[in-house]
Amino acid sequence: MKRRFDFCFAAILLALTCIAAETPISPDQENPNEIRPSGVPAHRQRSKSKSTADSDSEASATPRPRRTHRATRSHESEDDSLPTQTVPGSIPKVSASSVIVINVRTGAVLYEKNPDQIRAPASTTKLLTGLIVAETGSFDRPVTVAQVDTLAEPVKLNIKPGEIYSRIDLLRALLVKSPNDVARCLARDNGGSIEAFAEKMNQRAAALGATHSHFVNPNGLPDARQYSTARDLATIARVAYSNPTIRSIVCLPQLMFRYANGRTRELENTNKLLKRLPYCNGMKTGYTEAAGKCLIASGTAGGKDIIVVVLGDSHSGVWRDAGALLAWALFNPSAG
């Protein structure tokens, strides 16, 4: 009897040992084709992320010193905070105050949340500024910087009065790095004065059907008289998307800018989604305290072109929300 008990006990112990020795299945192995809001399979989503401070038109333009230590990976980082989209075709929950998603080719609205809410557009304004400059052409035209152009805090490229640049070089800097002095320089050169250019902005916006907007400056700095809506900005962005010059610029992750004295500086695009999402191909960021984090993001995949406008979001939420909406609209057939 005792021998039979010892044999049974040994068999049970051996079984438990084998179970404990099995290799646990990672979340990636459970569903390697799981689609995240970024549209990237889960096994690619878990790549190491670099924690960087937000860089936008209203953030400091002074180059930051490179970190010499390795940042600790945190689940609170912007990349890791992306929620898993588990239900095919489900619309992602977003924290932004105002949102709209459109199909560029048809103009159809795929999703909206307070799309007609009047809001400060911040530096998304510069997409309209850039569109007017691009439509004017004469890209090789020399532009001489004036003293009045430099009166644009807080973010500046620090172009100096009397310096001469080509219109295309300034336009590229405007849409990639979003400096306010460059916006003023281009606007004055194009319209004769900031006030005259603002009138051109209002006329162009109205002609496009963006009738619930009003502009008084070309850079989006705070002014109670300057406002727009997510729907109007999507309307403007749709036309900008069809402009080949604008499209060739807003997709650039970085740009080398050469100052008049020969010095060069690499400008990194303020749109972080360009480096995070392979299907993102533009367009324009924005931030002020009044506006919150704003982003007009475009993407293309499978013959579909999508524009997402996110206004009044948080610093981390803007990337998560725009990325999730882009993925939903591009990769879910039910999105239309």
C-alpha atoms as a PDB file:
ATOM      1  CA  MET A   1       0.000   0.000   0.000  1.00  0.00           C
ATOM      2  CA  LYS A   2       2.736   2.434   0.950  1.00  0.00           C
ATOM      3  CA  ARG A   3       4.637   1.608  -2.252  1.00  0.00           C
ATOM      4  CA  ARG A   4       1.526   2.412  -4.368  1.00  0.00           C
ATOM      5  CA  PHE A   5       1.096   5.764  -2.517  1.00  0.00           C
ATOM      6  CA  ASP A   6       4.761   6.683  -3.096  1.00  0.00           C
ATOM      7  CA  PHE A   7       4.395   5.909  -6.809  1.00  0.00           C
ATOM      8  CA  CYS A   8       1.255   8.083  -7.163  1.00  0.00           C
ATOM      9  CA  PHE A   9       2.832  10.973  -5.254  1.00  0.00           C
ATOM     10  CA  ALA A  10       5.950  10.841  -7.469  1.00  0.00           C
ATOM     11  CA  ALA A  11       3.802  10.877 -10.627  1.00  0.00           C
ATOM     12  CA  ILE A  12       1.874  13.950  -9.425  1.00  0.00           C
ATOM     13  CA  LEU A  13       5.107  15.777  -8.474  1.00  0.00           C
ATOM     14  CA  LEU A  14       6.608  15.020 -11.890  1.00  0.00           C
ATOM     15  CA  ALA A  15       3.522  16.427 -13.675  1.00  0.00           C
ATOM     16  CA  LEU A  16       3.619  19.639 -11.642  1.00  0.00           C
ATOM     17  CA  THR A  17       7.313  20.082 -12.406  1.00  0.00           C
ATOM     18  CA  CYS A  18       6.695  19.744 -16.157  1.00  0.00           C
ATOM     19  CA  ILE A  19       3.905  22.299 -16.084  1.00  0.00           C
ATOM     20  CA  ALA A  20       6.091  24.811 -14.215  1.00  0.00           C
ATOM     21  CA  ALA A  21       8.881  24.304 -16.717  1.00  0.00           C
ATOM     22  CA  GLU A  22       6.755  25.212 -19.736  1.00  0.00           C
ATOM     23  CA  THR A  23       7.626  28.509 -21.438  1.00  0.00           C
ATOM     24  CA  PRO A  24       4.859  31.072 -20.861  1.00  0.00           C
ATOM     25  CA  ILE A  25       3.159  32.464 -23.972  1.00  0.00           C
ATOM     26  CA  SER A  26       3.839  36.144 -24.501  1.00  0.00           C
ATOM     27  CA  PRO A  27       1.036  38.530 -25.427  1.00  0.00           C
ATOM     28  CA  ASP A  28       2.596  38.786 -28.892  1.00  0.00           C
ATOM     29  CA  GLN A  29       2.400  35.031 -29.395  1.00  0.00           C
ATOM     30  CA  GLU A  30      -1.210  34.960 -28.278  1.00  0.00           C
ATOM     31  CA  ASN A  31      -2.222  37.164 -31.219  1.00  0.00           C
ATOM     32  CA  PRO A  32       0.692  38.223 -33.424  1.00  0.00           C
ATOM     33  CA  ASN A  33      -1.656  39.922 -35.917  1.00  0.00           C
ATOM     34  CA  GLU A  34      -3.455  42.026 -33.324  1.00  0.00           C
ATOM     35  CA  ILE A  35      -3.839  45.551 -34.704  1.00  0.00           C
ATOM     36  CA  ARG A  36      -2.977  48.478 -32.479  1.00  0.00           C
ATOM     37  CA  PRO A  37      -4.401  51.980 -32.949  1.00  0.00           C
ATOM     38  CA  SER A  38      -1.191  52.817 -34.791  1.00  0.00           C
ATOM     39  CA  GLY A  39      -2.047  50.154 -37.358  1.00  0.00           C
ATOM     40  CA  VAL A  40       1.157  48.250 -36.621  1.00  0.00           C
ATOM     41  CA  PRO A  41       1.018  44.569 -35.587  1.00  0.00           C
ATOM     42  CA  ALA A  42       1.559  44.073 -31.864  1.00  0.00           C
ATOM     43  CA  HIS A  43       4.924  42.345 -32.277  1.00  0.00           C
ATOM     44  CA  ARG A  44       6.248  45.513 -33.985  1.00  0.00           C
ATOM     45  CA  GLN A  45       4.485  47.920 -31.628  1.00  0.00           C
ATOM     46  CA  ARG A  46       6.654  46.997 -28.662  1.00  0.00           C
ATOM     47  CA  SER A  47       9.836  48.482 -30.057  1.00  0.00           C
ATOM     48  CA  LYS A  48      11.853  50.648 -27.732  1.00  0.00           C
ATOM     49  CA  SER A  49      10.528  54.210 -27.551  1.00  0.00           C
ATOM     50  CA  LYS A  50      12.520  57.379 -26.961  1.00  0.00           C
ATOM     51  CA  SER A  51      11.027  59.789 -24.462  1.00  0.00           C
ATOM     52  CA  THR A  52      11.280  63.319 -25.778  1.00  0.00           C
ATOM     53  CA  ALA A  53       9.776  66.629 -24.767  1.00  0.00           C
ATOM     54  CA  ASP A  54       7.043  67.904 -27.047  1.00  0.00           C
ATOM     55  CA  SER A  55       8.297  70.211 -29.781  1.00  0.00           C
ATOM     56  CA  ASP A  56       5.779  72.499 -31.434  1.00  0.00           C
ATOM     57  CA  SER A  57       5.390  75.981 -32.797  1.00  0.00           C
ATOM     58  CA  GLU A  58       4.688  77.409 -29.359  1.00  0.00           C
ATOM     59  CA  ALA A  59       7.374  75.358 -27.589  1.00  0.00           C
ATOM     60  CA  SER A  60      10.956  76.516 -27.281  1.00  0.00           C
ATOM     61  CA  ALA A  61      12.860  76.650 -30.557  1.00  0.00           C
ATOM     62  CA  THR A  62      16.218  76.497 -28.795  1.00  0.00           C
ATOM     63  CA  PRO A  63      17.966  73.194 -29.591  1.00  0.00           C
ATOM     64  CA  ARG A  64      17.933  70.903 -26.557  1.00  0.00           C
ATOM     65  CA  PRO A  65      21.155  69.218 -25.377  1.00  0.00           C
ATOM     66  CA  ARG A  66      21.310  65.525 -26.164  1.00  0.00           C
ATOM     67  CA  ARG A  67      20.819  63.167 -23.238  1.00  0.00           C
ATOM     68  CA  THR A  68      23.860  61.096 -22.437  1.00  0.00           C
ATOM     69  CA  HIS A  69      22.005  58.527 -20.342  1.00  0.00           C
ATOM     70  CA  ARG A  70      19.474  55.964 -21.442  1.00  0.00           C
ATOM     71  CA  ALA A  71      15.945  56.873 -20.455  1.00  0.00           C
ATOM     72  CA  THR A  72      14.115  54.285 -18.361  1.00  0.00           C
ATOM     73  CA  ARG A  73      11.294  52.651 -20.274  1.00  0.00           C
ATOM     74  CA  SER A  74       7.999  53.634 -18.705  1.00  0.00           C
ATOM     75  CA  HIS A  75       4.450  52.411 -19.259  1.00  0.00           C
ATOM     76  CA  GLU A  76       3.426  56.057 -18.936  1.00  0.00           C
ATOM     77  CA  SER A  77       5.345  57.107 -22.051  1.00  0.00           C
ATOM     78  CA  GLU A  78       3.308  58.360 -25.006  1.00  0.00           C
ATOM     79  CA  ASP A  79       4.088  55.328 -27.175  1.00  0.00           C
ATOM     80  CA  ASP A  80       3.178  52.797 -24.499  1.00  0.00           C
ATOM     81  CA  SER A  81      -0.031  54.595 -23.535  1.00  0.00           C
ATOM     82  CA  LEU A  82      -1.693  53.628 -26.831  1.00  0.00           C
ATOM     83  CA  PRO A  83      -4.748  51.489 -26.041  1.00  0.00           C
ATOM     84  CA  THR A  84      -5.290  48.207 -27.831  1.00  0.00           C
ATOM     85  CA  GLN A  85      -8.040  48.293 -30.450  1.00  0.00           C
ATOM     86  CA  THR A  86      -9.608  44.889 -29.899  1.00  0.00           C
ATOM     87  CA  VAL A  87     -12.988  45.197 -31.649  1.00  0.00           C
ATOM     88  CA  PRO A  88     -12.707  45.316 -35.464  1.00  0.00           C
ATOM     89  CA  GLY A  89     -14.463  48.380 -36.834  1.00  0.00           C
ATOM     90  CA  SER A  90     -14.923  50.041 -33.453  1.00  0.00           C
ATOM     91  CA  ILE A  91     -14.404  53.805 -33.316  1.00  0.00           C
ATOM     92  CA  PRO A  92     -11.575  54.649 -30.885  1.00  0.00           C
ATOM     93  CA  LYS A  93     -12.503  56.666 -27.808  1.00  0.00           C
ATOM     94  CA  VAL A  94     -10.801  60.054 -27.913  1.00  0.00           C
ATOM     95  CA  SER A  95     -10.220  62.698 -25.251  1.00  0.00           C
ATOM     96  CA  ALA A  96      -9.952  65.676 -27.610  1.00  0.00           C
ATOM     97  CA  SER A  97     -12.603  68.388 -27.378  1.00  0.00           C
ATOM     98  CA  SER A  98     -13.269  68.565 -31.108  1.00  0.00           C
ATOM     99  CA  VAL A  99     -12.559  65.969 -33.798  1.00  0.00           C
ATOM    100  CA  ILE A 100     -13.367  65.203 -37.406  1.00  0.00           C
ATOM    101  CA  VAL A 101     -12.208  62.434 -39.759  1.00  0.00           C
ATOM    102  CA  ILE A 102     -12.738  62.753 -43.514  1.00  0.00           C
ATOM    103  CA  ASN A 103     -12.062  60.764 -46.649  1.00  0.00           C
ATOM    104  CA  VAL A 104      -9.920  63.076 -48.756  1.00  0.00           C
ATOM    105  CA  ARG A 105     -11.068  61.807 -52.144  1.00  0.00           C
ATOM    106  CA  THR A 106     -14.809  61.879 -51.500  1.00  0.00           C
ATOM    107  CA  GLY A 107     -15.009  64.504 -48.767  1.00  0.00           C
ATOM    108  CA  ALA A 108     -17.199  62.144 -46.740  1.00  0.00           C
ATOM    109  CA  VAL A 109     -17.182  62.620 -42.973  1.00  0.00           C
ATOM    110  CA  LEU A 110     -16.309  59.291 -41.329  1.00  0.00           C
ATOM    111  CA  TYR A 111     -16.428  60.434 -37.709  1.00  0.00           C
ATOM    112  CA  GLU A 112     -17.041  63.680 -35.868  1.00  0.00           C
ATOM    113  CA  LYS A 113     -17.149  64.992 -32.324  1.00  0.00           C
ATOM    114  CA  ASN A 114     -18.122  68.636 -31.810  1.00  0.00           C
ATOM    115  CA  PRO A 115     -16.801  69.435 -35.314  1.00  0.00           C
ATOM    116  CA  ASP A 116     -18.377  72.912 -35.411  1.00  0.00           C
ATOM    117  CA  GLN A 117     -17.217  74.025 -31.972  1.00  0.00           C
ATOM    118  CA  ILE A 118     -15.469  77.395 -32.245  1.00  0.00           C
ATOM    119  CA  ARG A 119     -11.872  76.961 -31.083  1.00  0.00           C
ATOM    120  CA  ALA A 120      -8.460  78.596 -31.213  1.00  0.00           C
ATOM    121  CA  PRO A 121      -6.587  76.859 -34.066  1.00  0.00           C
ATOM    122  CA  ALA A 122      -3.046  77.607 -32.812  1.00  0.00           C
ATOM    123  CA  SER A 123      -0.365  76.774 -35.398  1.00  0.00           C
ATOM    124  CA  THR A 124      -2.636  74.643 -37.536  1.00  0.00           C
ATOM    125  CA  THR A 125      -3.304  78.143 -38.932  1.00  0.00           C
ATOM    126  CA  LYS A 126       0.024  77.870 -40.742  1.00  0.00           C
ATOM    127  CA  LEU A 127      -1.421  75.256 -43.095  1.00  0.00           C
ATOM    128  CA  LEU A 128      -3.640  77.971 -44.588  1.00  0.00           C
ATOM    129  CA  THR A 129      -0.696  80.387 -44.609  1.00  0.00           C
ATOM    130  CA  GLY A 130       1.401  77.814 -46.443  1.00  0.00           C
ATOM    131  CA  LEU A 131      -1.398  77.022 -48.884  1.00  0.00           C
ATOM    132  CA  ILE A 132      -1.760  80.663 -49.941  1.00  0.00           C
ATOM    133  CA  VAL A 133       2.000  81.019 -50.379  1.00  0.00           C
ATOM    134  CA  ALA A 134       2.176  77.752 -52.350  1.00  0.00           C
ATOM    135  CA  GLU A 135      -0.699  78.782 -54.610  1.00  0.00           C
ATOM    136  CA  THR A 136       1.067  82.080 -55.334  1.00  0.00           C
ATOM    137  CA  GLY A 137       4.088  80.221 -56.717  1.00  0.00           C
ATOM    138  CA  SER A 138       7.340  81.991 -57.685  1.00  0.00           C
ATOM    139  CA  PHE A 139       9.234  79.730 -55.297  1.00  0.00           C
ATOM    140  CA  ASP A 140      12.652  81.020 -56.322  1.00  0.00           C
ATOM    141  CA  ARG A 141      11.632  84.580 -55.497  1.00  0.00           C
ATOM    142  CA  PRO A 142      14.104  86.161 -53.023  1.00  0.00           C
ATOM    143  CA  VAL A 143      12.495  87.302 -49.779  1.00  0.00           C
ATOM    144  CA  THR A 144      14.237  89.924 -47.669  1.00  0.00           C
ATOM    145  CA  VAL A 145      13.588  89.703 -43.930  1.00  0.00           C
ATOM    146  CA  ALA A 146      12.213  92.901 -42.350  1.00  0.00           C
ATOM    147  CA  GLN A 147      12.458  94.001 -38.735  1.00  0.00           C
ATOM    148  CA  VAL A 148       8.698  93.612 -38.289  1.00  0.00           C
ATOM    149  CA  ASP A 149       8.952  89.944 -39.240  1.00  0.00           C
ATOM    150  CA  THR A 150      11.041  89.146 -36.166  1.00  0.00           C
ATOM    151  CA  LEU A 151       8.402  90.378 -33.700  1.00  0.00           C
ATOM    152  CA  ALA A 152       6.942  86.936 -33.113  1.00  0.00           C
ATOM    153  CA  GLU A 153       7.602  85.234 -29.792  1.00  0.00           C
ATOM    154  CA  PRO A 154       8.016  82.643 -28.469  1.00  0.00           C
ATOM    155  CA  VAL A 155       9.197  80.329 -31.238  1.00  0.00           C
ATOM    156  CA  LYS A 156      11.462  81.753 -33.888  1.00  0.00           C
ATOM    157  CA  LEU A 157      13.953  80.486 -36.409  1.00  0.00           C
ATOM    158  CA  ASN A 158      15.904  83.671 -35.641  1.00  0.00           C
ATOM    159  CA  ILE A 159      16.116  84.965 -39.180  1.00  0.00           C
ATOM    160  CA  LYS A 160      17.627  88.475 -39.132  1.00  0.00           C
ATOM    161  CA  PRO A 161      16.509  91.735 -40.759  1.00  0.00           C
ATOM    162  CA  GLY A 162      18.222  92.210 -44.121  1.00  0.00           C
ATOM    163  CA  GLU A 163      18.849  88.498 -44.689  1.00  0.00           C
ATOM    164  CA  ILE A 164      17.620  87.076 -47.980  1.00  0.00           C
ATOM    165  CA  TYR A 165      16.031  83.644 -48.484  1.00  0.00           C
ATOM    166  CA  SER A 166      14.144  81.963 -51.279  1.00  0.00           C
ATOM    167  CA  ARG A 167      10.404  81.661 -50.807  1.00  0.00           C
ATOM    168  CA  ILE A 168      10.531  77.860 -51.012  1.00  0.00           C
ATOM    169  CA  ASP A 169      13.158  77.583 -48.269  1.00  0.00           C
ATOM    170  CA  LEU A 170      11.021  79.665 -45.921  1.00  0.00           C
ATOM    171  CA  LEU A 171       7.901  77.700 -46.837  1.00  0.00           C
ATOM    172  CA  ARG A 172       9.625  74.413 -46.017  1.00  0.00           C
ATOM    173  CA  ALA A 173      10.806  75.740 -42.654  1.00  0.00           C
ATOM    174  CA  LEU A 174       7.306  77.025 -41.904  1.00  0.00           C
ATOM    175  CA  LEU A 175       5.555  73.695 -42.432  1.00  0.00           C
ATOM    176  CA  VAL A 176       8.232  71.480 -40.876  1.00  0.00           C
ATOM    177  CA  LYS A 177       9.322  73.402 -37.758  1.00  0.00           C
ATOM    178  CA  SER A 178       6.539  76.020 -37.518  1.00  0.00           C
ATOM    179  CA  PRO A 179       8.538  79.161 -36.598  1.00  0.00           C
ATOM    180  CA  ASN A 180       6.410  82.263 -36.051  1.00  0.00           C
ATOM    181  CA  ASP A 181       8.914  84.736 -37.499  1.00  0.00           C
ATOM    182  CA  VAL A 182       9.001  82.803 -40.766  1.00  0.00           C
ATOM    183  CA  ALA A 183       5.190  82.898 -40.922  1.00  0.00           C
ATOM    184  CA  ARG A 184       5.225  86.668 -40.551  1.00  0.00           C
ATOM    185  CA  CYS A 185       7.981  87.038 -43.132  1.00  0.00           C
ATOM    186  CA  LEU A 186       6.120  84.993 -45.740  1.00  0.00           C
ATOM    187  CA  ALA A 187       2.829  86.751 -44.987  1.00  0.00           C
ATOM    188  CA  ARG A 188       4.284  90.259 -45.288  1.00  0.00           C
ATOM    189  CA  ASP A 189       6.114  89.340 -48.464  1.00  0.00           C
ATOM    190  CA  ASN A 190       2.953  87.837 -49.976  1.00  0.00           C
ATOM    191  CA  GLY A 191       0.345  90.364 -48.866  1.00  0.00           C
ATOM    192  CA  GLY A 192       2.388  93.514 -48.343  1.00  0.00           C
ATOM    193  CA  SER A 193       1.539  93.549 -44.639  1.00  0.00           C
ATOM    194  CA  ILE A 194       0.316  91.149 -41.946  1.00  0.00           C
ATOM    195  CA  GLU A 195      -3.122  92.792 -42.021  1.00  0.00           C
ATOM    196  CA  ALA A 196      -3.429  92.504 -45.800  1.00  0.00           C
ATOM    197  CA  PHE A 197      -2.368  88.863 -45.713  1.00  0.00           C
ATOM    198  CA  ALA A 198      -4.916  88.115 -42.973  1.00  0.00           C
ATOM    199  CA  GLU A 199      -7.572  89.454 -45.327  1.00  0.00           C
ATOM    200  CA  LYS A 200      -6.328  87.084 -48.010  1.00  0.00           C
ATOM    201  CA  MET A 201      -6.562  84.242 -45.495  1.00  0.00           C
ATOM    202  CA  ASN A 202     -10.200  85.056 -44.742  1.00  0.00           C
ATOM    203  CA  GLN A 203     -11.071  85.357 -48.421  1.00  0.00           C
ATOM    204  CA  ARG A 204      -9.408  82.038 -49.277  1.00  0.00           C
ATOM    205  CA  ALA A 205     -11.013  80.245 -46.329  1.00  0.00           C
ATOM    206  CA  ALA A 206     -14.460  81.529 -47.299  1.00  0.00           C
ATOM    207  CA  ALA A 207     -13.923  80.506 -50.931  1.00  0.00           C
ATOM    208  CA  LEU A 208     -13.101  76.978 -49.761  1.00  0.00           C
ATOM    209  CA  GLY A 209     -16.256  76.795 -47.646  1.00  0.00           C
ATOM    210  CA  ALA A 210     -14.561  77.323 -44.280  1.00  0.00           C
ATOM    211  CA  THR A 211     -17.153  79.893 -43.274  1.00  0.00           C
ATOM    212  CA  HIS A 212     -16.918  79.561 -39.493  1.00  0.00           C
ATOM    213  CA  SER A 213     -13.326  80.780 -39.250  1.00  0.00           C
ATOM    214  CA  HIS A 214     -11.635  84.144 -38.913  1.00  0.00           C
ATOM    215  CA  PHE A 215      -7.923  84.937 -39.049  1.00  0.00           C
ATOM    216  CA  VAL A 216      -5.942  87.997 -38.000  1.00  0.00           C
ATOM    217  CA  ASN A 217      -2.405  86.580 -38.057  1.00  0.00           C
ATOM    218  CA  PRO A 218      -0.542  83.983 -40.133  1.00  0.00           C
ATOM    219  CA  ASN A 219       0.999  82.000 -37.270  1.00  0.00           C
ATOM    220  CA  GLY A 220      -1.864  81.179 -34.891  1.00  0.00           C
ATOM    221  CA  LEU A 221      -0.603  83.059 -31.866  1.00  0.00           C
ATOM    222  CA  PRO A 222      -3.410  83.781 -29.363  1.00  0.00           C
ATOM    223  CA  ASP A 223      -5.955  86.401 -30.376  1.00  0.00           C
ATOM    224  CA  ALA A 224      -9.618  86.382 -29.435  1.00  0.00           C
ATOM    225  CA  ARG A 225     -10.478  87.427 -32.987  1.00  0.00           C
ATOM    226  CA  GLN A 226      -8.805  84.346 -34.486  1.00  0.00           C
ATOM    227  CA  TYR A 227     -10.814  81.134 -34.459  1.00  0.00           C
ATOM    228  CA  SER A 228     -11.816  78.132 -36.518  1.00  0.00           C
ATOM    229  CA  THR A 229     -13.481  74.727 -36.235  1.00  0.00           C
ATOM    230  CA  ALA A 230     -12.393  71.158 -36.835  1.00  0.00           C
ATOM    231  CA  ARG A 231     -14.686  71.003 -39.878  1.00  0.00           C
ATOM    232  CA  ASP A 232     -13.258  74.201 -41.385  1.00  0.00           C
ATOM    233  CA  LEU A 233      -9.678  73.075 -40.787  1.00  0.00           C
ATOM    234  CA  ALA A 234     -10.448  69.742 -42.458  1.00  0.00           C
ATOM    235  CA  THR A 235     -11.847  71.646 -45.431  1.00  0.00           C
ATOM    236  CA  ILE A 236      -8.656  73.711 -45.672  1.00  0.00           C
ATOM    237  CA  ALA A 237      -6.472  70.645 -45.143  1.00  0.00           C
ATOM    238  CA  ARG A 238      -8.234  68.741 -47.912  1.00  0.00           C
ATOM    239  CA  VAL A 239      -7.315  71.444 -50.441  1.00  0.00           C
ATOM    240  CA  ALA A 240      -3.773  71.689 -49.049  1.00  0.00           C
ATOM    241  CA  TYR A 241      -3.450  67.910 -49.410  1.00  0.00           C
ATOM    242  CA  SER A 242      -4.144  68.218 -53.129  1.00  0.00           C
ATOM    243  CA  ASN A 243      -1.381  70.808 -53.560  1.00  0.00           C
ATOM    244  CA  PRO A 244       1.818  68.998 -54.682  1.00  0.00           C
ATOM    245  CA  THR A 245       4.133  71.575 -53.090  1.00  0.00           C
ATOM    246  CA  ILE A 246       2.433  71.316 -49.705  1.00  0.00           C
ATOM    247  CA  ARG A 247       2.364  67.513 -49.914  1.00  0.00           C
ATOM    248  CA  SER A 248       6.086  67.362 -50.699  1.00  0.00           C
ATOM    249  CA  ILE A 249       6.899  69.397 -47.571  1.00  0.00           C
ATOM    250  CA  VAL A 250       4.565  68.194 -44.813  1.00  0.00           C
ATOM    251  CA  CYS A 251       5.781  64.605 -45.239  1.00  0.00           C
ATOM    252  CA  LEU A 252       9.407  65.489 -44.384  1.00  0.00           C
ATOM    253  CA  PRO A 253      10.525  64.081 -40.988  1.00  0.00           C
ATOM    254  CA  GLN A 254      13.361  66.596 -40.901  1.00  0.00           C
ATOM    255  CA  LEU A 255      14.846  69.384 -42.975  1.00  0.00           C
ATOM    256  CA  MET A 256      18.268  71.016 -43.264  1.00  0.00           C
ATOM    257  CA  PHE A 257      17.889  74.802 -43.214  1.00  0.00           C
ATOM    258  CA  ARG A 258      20.725  77.029 -44.382  1.00  0.00           C
ATOM    259  CA  TYR A 259      20.929  80.512 -42.907  1.00  0.00           C
ATOM    260  CA  ALA A 260      22.031  83.501 -44.963  1.00  0.00           C
ATOM    261  CA  ASN A 261      25.465  83.414 -43.308  1.00  0.00           C
ATOM    262  CA  GLY A 262      26.016  79.804 -44.400  1.00  0.00           C
ATOM    263  CA  ARG A 263      25.279  78.194 -41.040  1.00  0.00           C
ATOM    264  CA  THR A 264      23.017  75.147 -41.218  1.00  0.00           C
ATOM    265  CA  ARG A 265      20.531  73.723 -38.752  1.00  0.00           C
ATOM    266  CA  GLU A 266      18.533  70.518 -38.893  1.00  0.00           C
ATOM    267  CA  LEU A 267      14.845  71.118 -38.260  1.00  0.00           C
ATOM    268  CA  GLU A 268      12.822  68.187 -36.951  1.00  0.00           C
ATOM    269  CA  ASN A 269       9.175  68.014 -37.948  1.00  0.00           C
ATOM    270  CA  THR A 270       6.867  68.813 -35.041  1.00  0.00           C
ATOM    271  CA  ASN A 271       4.476  66.071 -36.229  1.00  0.00           C
ATOM    272  CA  LYS A 272       5.622  63.021 -34.253  1.00  0.00           C
ATOM    273  CA  LEU A 273       3.292  60.671 -36.114  1.00  0.00           C
ATOM    274  CA  LEU A 274       5.510  60.918 -39.202  1.00  0.00           C
ATOM    275  CA  LYS A 275       8.159  58.804 -37.482  1.00  0.00           C
ATOM    276  CA  ARG A 276       5.761  56.605 -35.543  1.00  0.00           C
ATOM    277  CA  LEU A 277       3.338  55.569 -38.264  1.00  0.00           C
ATOM    278  CA  PRO A 278       4.549  54.477 -41.697  1.00  0.00           C
ATOM    279  CA  TYR A 279       1.246  55.440 -43.295  1.00  0.00           C
ATOM    280  CA  CYS A 280       1.180  59.011 -41.930  1.00  0.00           C
ATOM    281  CA  ASN A 281       2.245  61.577 -44.554  1.00  0.00           C
ATOM    282  CA  GLY A 282       1.593  65.004 -42.921  1.00  0.00           C
ATOM    283  CA  MET A 283       0.250  67.596 -41.984  1.00  0.00           C
ATOM    284  CA  LYS A 284       0.416  70.313 -39.206  1.00  0.00           C
ATOM    285  CA  THR A 285       0.663  70.606 -35.421  1.00  0.00           C
ATOM    286  CA  GLY A 286      -0.397  73.378 -33.059  1.00  0.00           C
ATOM    287  CA  TYR A 287      -0.383  74.325 -29.397  1.00  0.00           C
ATOM    288  CA  THR A 288      -1.230  77.232 -27.121  1.00  0.00           C
ATOM    289  CA  GLU A 289      -2.627  77.158 -23.604  1.00  0.00           C
ATOM    290  CA  ALA A 290      -5.946  78.405 -24.935  1.00  0.00           C
ATOM    291  CA  ALA A 291      -6.110  75.930 -27.816  1.00  0.00           C
ATOM    292  CA  GLY A 292      -4.610  72.873 -26.144  1.00  0.00           C
ATOM    293  CA  LYS A 293      -2.741  70.371 -28.292  1.00  0.00           C
ATOM    294  CA  CYS A 294      -3.961  70.375 -31.880  1.00  0.00           C
ATOM    295  CA  LEU A 295      -3.083  68.238 -34.864  1.00  0.00           C
ATOM    296  CA  ILE A 296      -4.123  67.912 -38.472  1.00  0.00           C
ATOM    297  CA  ALA A 297      -2.835  64.497 -39.536  1.00  0.00           C
ATOM    298  CA  SER A 298      -3.059  62.828 -42.926  1.00  0.00           C
ATOM    299  CA  GLY A 299      -2.443  59.243 -43.924  1.00  0.00           C
ATOM    300  CA  THR A 300      -2.713  56.928 -46.891  1.00  0.00           C
ATOM    301  CA  ALA A 301      -2.995  53.153 -47.270  1.00  0.00           C
ATOM    302  CA  GLY A 302      -4.734  50.736 -49.614  1.00  0.00           C
ATOM    303  CA  GLY A 303      -5.775  53.456 -52.011  1.00  0.00           C
ATOM    304  CA  LYS A 304      -7.473  55.437 -49.245  1.00  0.00           C
ATOM    305  CA  ASP A 305      -6.475  58.951 -48.124  1.00  0.00           C
ATOM    306  CA  ILE A 306      -7.616  60.188 -44.727  1.00  0.00           C
ATOM    307  CA  ILE A 307      -7.384  63.490 -42.844  1.00  0.00           C
ATOM    308  CA  VAL A 308      -7.901  63.667 -39.086  1.00  0.00           C
ATOM    309  CA  VAL A 309      -8.327  66.944 -37.196  1.00  0.00           C
ATOM    310  CA  VAL A 310      -7.907  66.839 -33.421  1.00  0.00           C
ATOM    311  CA  LEU A 311      -8.360  70.037 -31.389  1.00  0.00           C
ATOM    312  CA  GLY A 312      -8.152  70.720 -27.667  1.00  0.00           C
ATOM    313  CA  ASP A 313      -6.302  67.586 -26.621  1.00  0.00           C
ATOM    314  CA  SER A 314      -3.634  66.793 -24.023  1.00  0.00           C
ATOM    315  CA  HIS A 315       0.094  66.562 -24.745  1.00  0.00           C
ATOM    316  CA  SER A 316       0.084  62.764 -24.885  1.00  0.00           C
ATOM    317  CA  GLY A 317      -3.516  62.312 -25.929  1.00  0.00           C
ATOM    318  CA  VAL A 318      -3.156  64.190 -29.208  1.00  0.00           C
ATOM    319  CA  TRP A 319      -0.804  61.563 -30.667  1.00  0.00           C
ATOM    320  CA  ARG A 320      -2.800  58.653 -29.298  1.00  0.00           C
ATOM    321  CA  ASP A 321      -6.130  60.015 -30.525  1.00  0.00           C
ATOM    322  CA  ALA A 322      -4.947  61.056 -33.985  1.00  0.00           C
ATOM    323  CA  GLY A 323      -3.020  57.807 -34.474  1.00  0.00           C
ATOM    324  CA  ALA A 324      -5.959  55.663 -33.410  1.00  0.00           C
ATOM    325  CA  LEU A 325      -8.377  57.529 -35.676  1.00  0.00           C
ATOM    326  CA  LEU A 326      -6.032  57.295 -38.651  1.00  0.00           C
ATOM    327  CA  ALA A 327      -5.671  53.533 -38.170  1.00  0.00           C
ATOM    328  CA  TRP A 328      -9.414  53.065 -37.728  1.00  0.00           C
ATOM    329  CA  ALA A 329     -10.245  55.053 -40.860  1.00  0.00           C
ATOM    330  CA  LEU A 330      -7.532  53.450 -43.014  1.00  0.00           C
ATOM    331  CA  PHE A 331      -7.654  49.803 -41.996  1.00  0.00           C
ATOM    332  CA  ASN A 332     -11.257  49.091 -41.024  1.00  0.00           C
ATOM    333  CA  PRO A 333     -13.572  48.555 -44.038  1.00  0.00           C
ATOM    334  CA  SER A 334     -16.534  49.645 -41.931  1.00  0.00           C
ATOM    335  CA  ALA A 335     -15.027  53.146 -41.644  1.00  0.00           C
ATOM    336  CA  GLY A 336     -16.049  53.874 -45.244  1.00  0.00           C
END
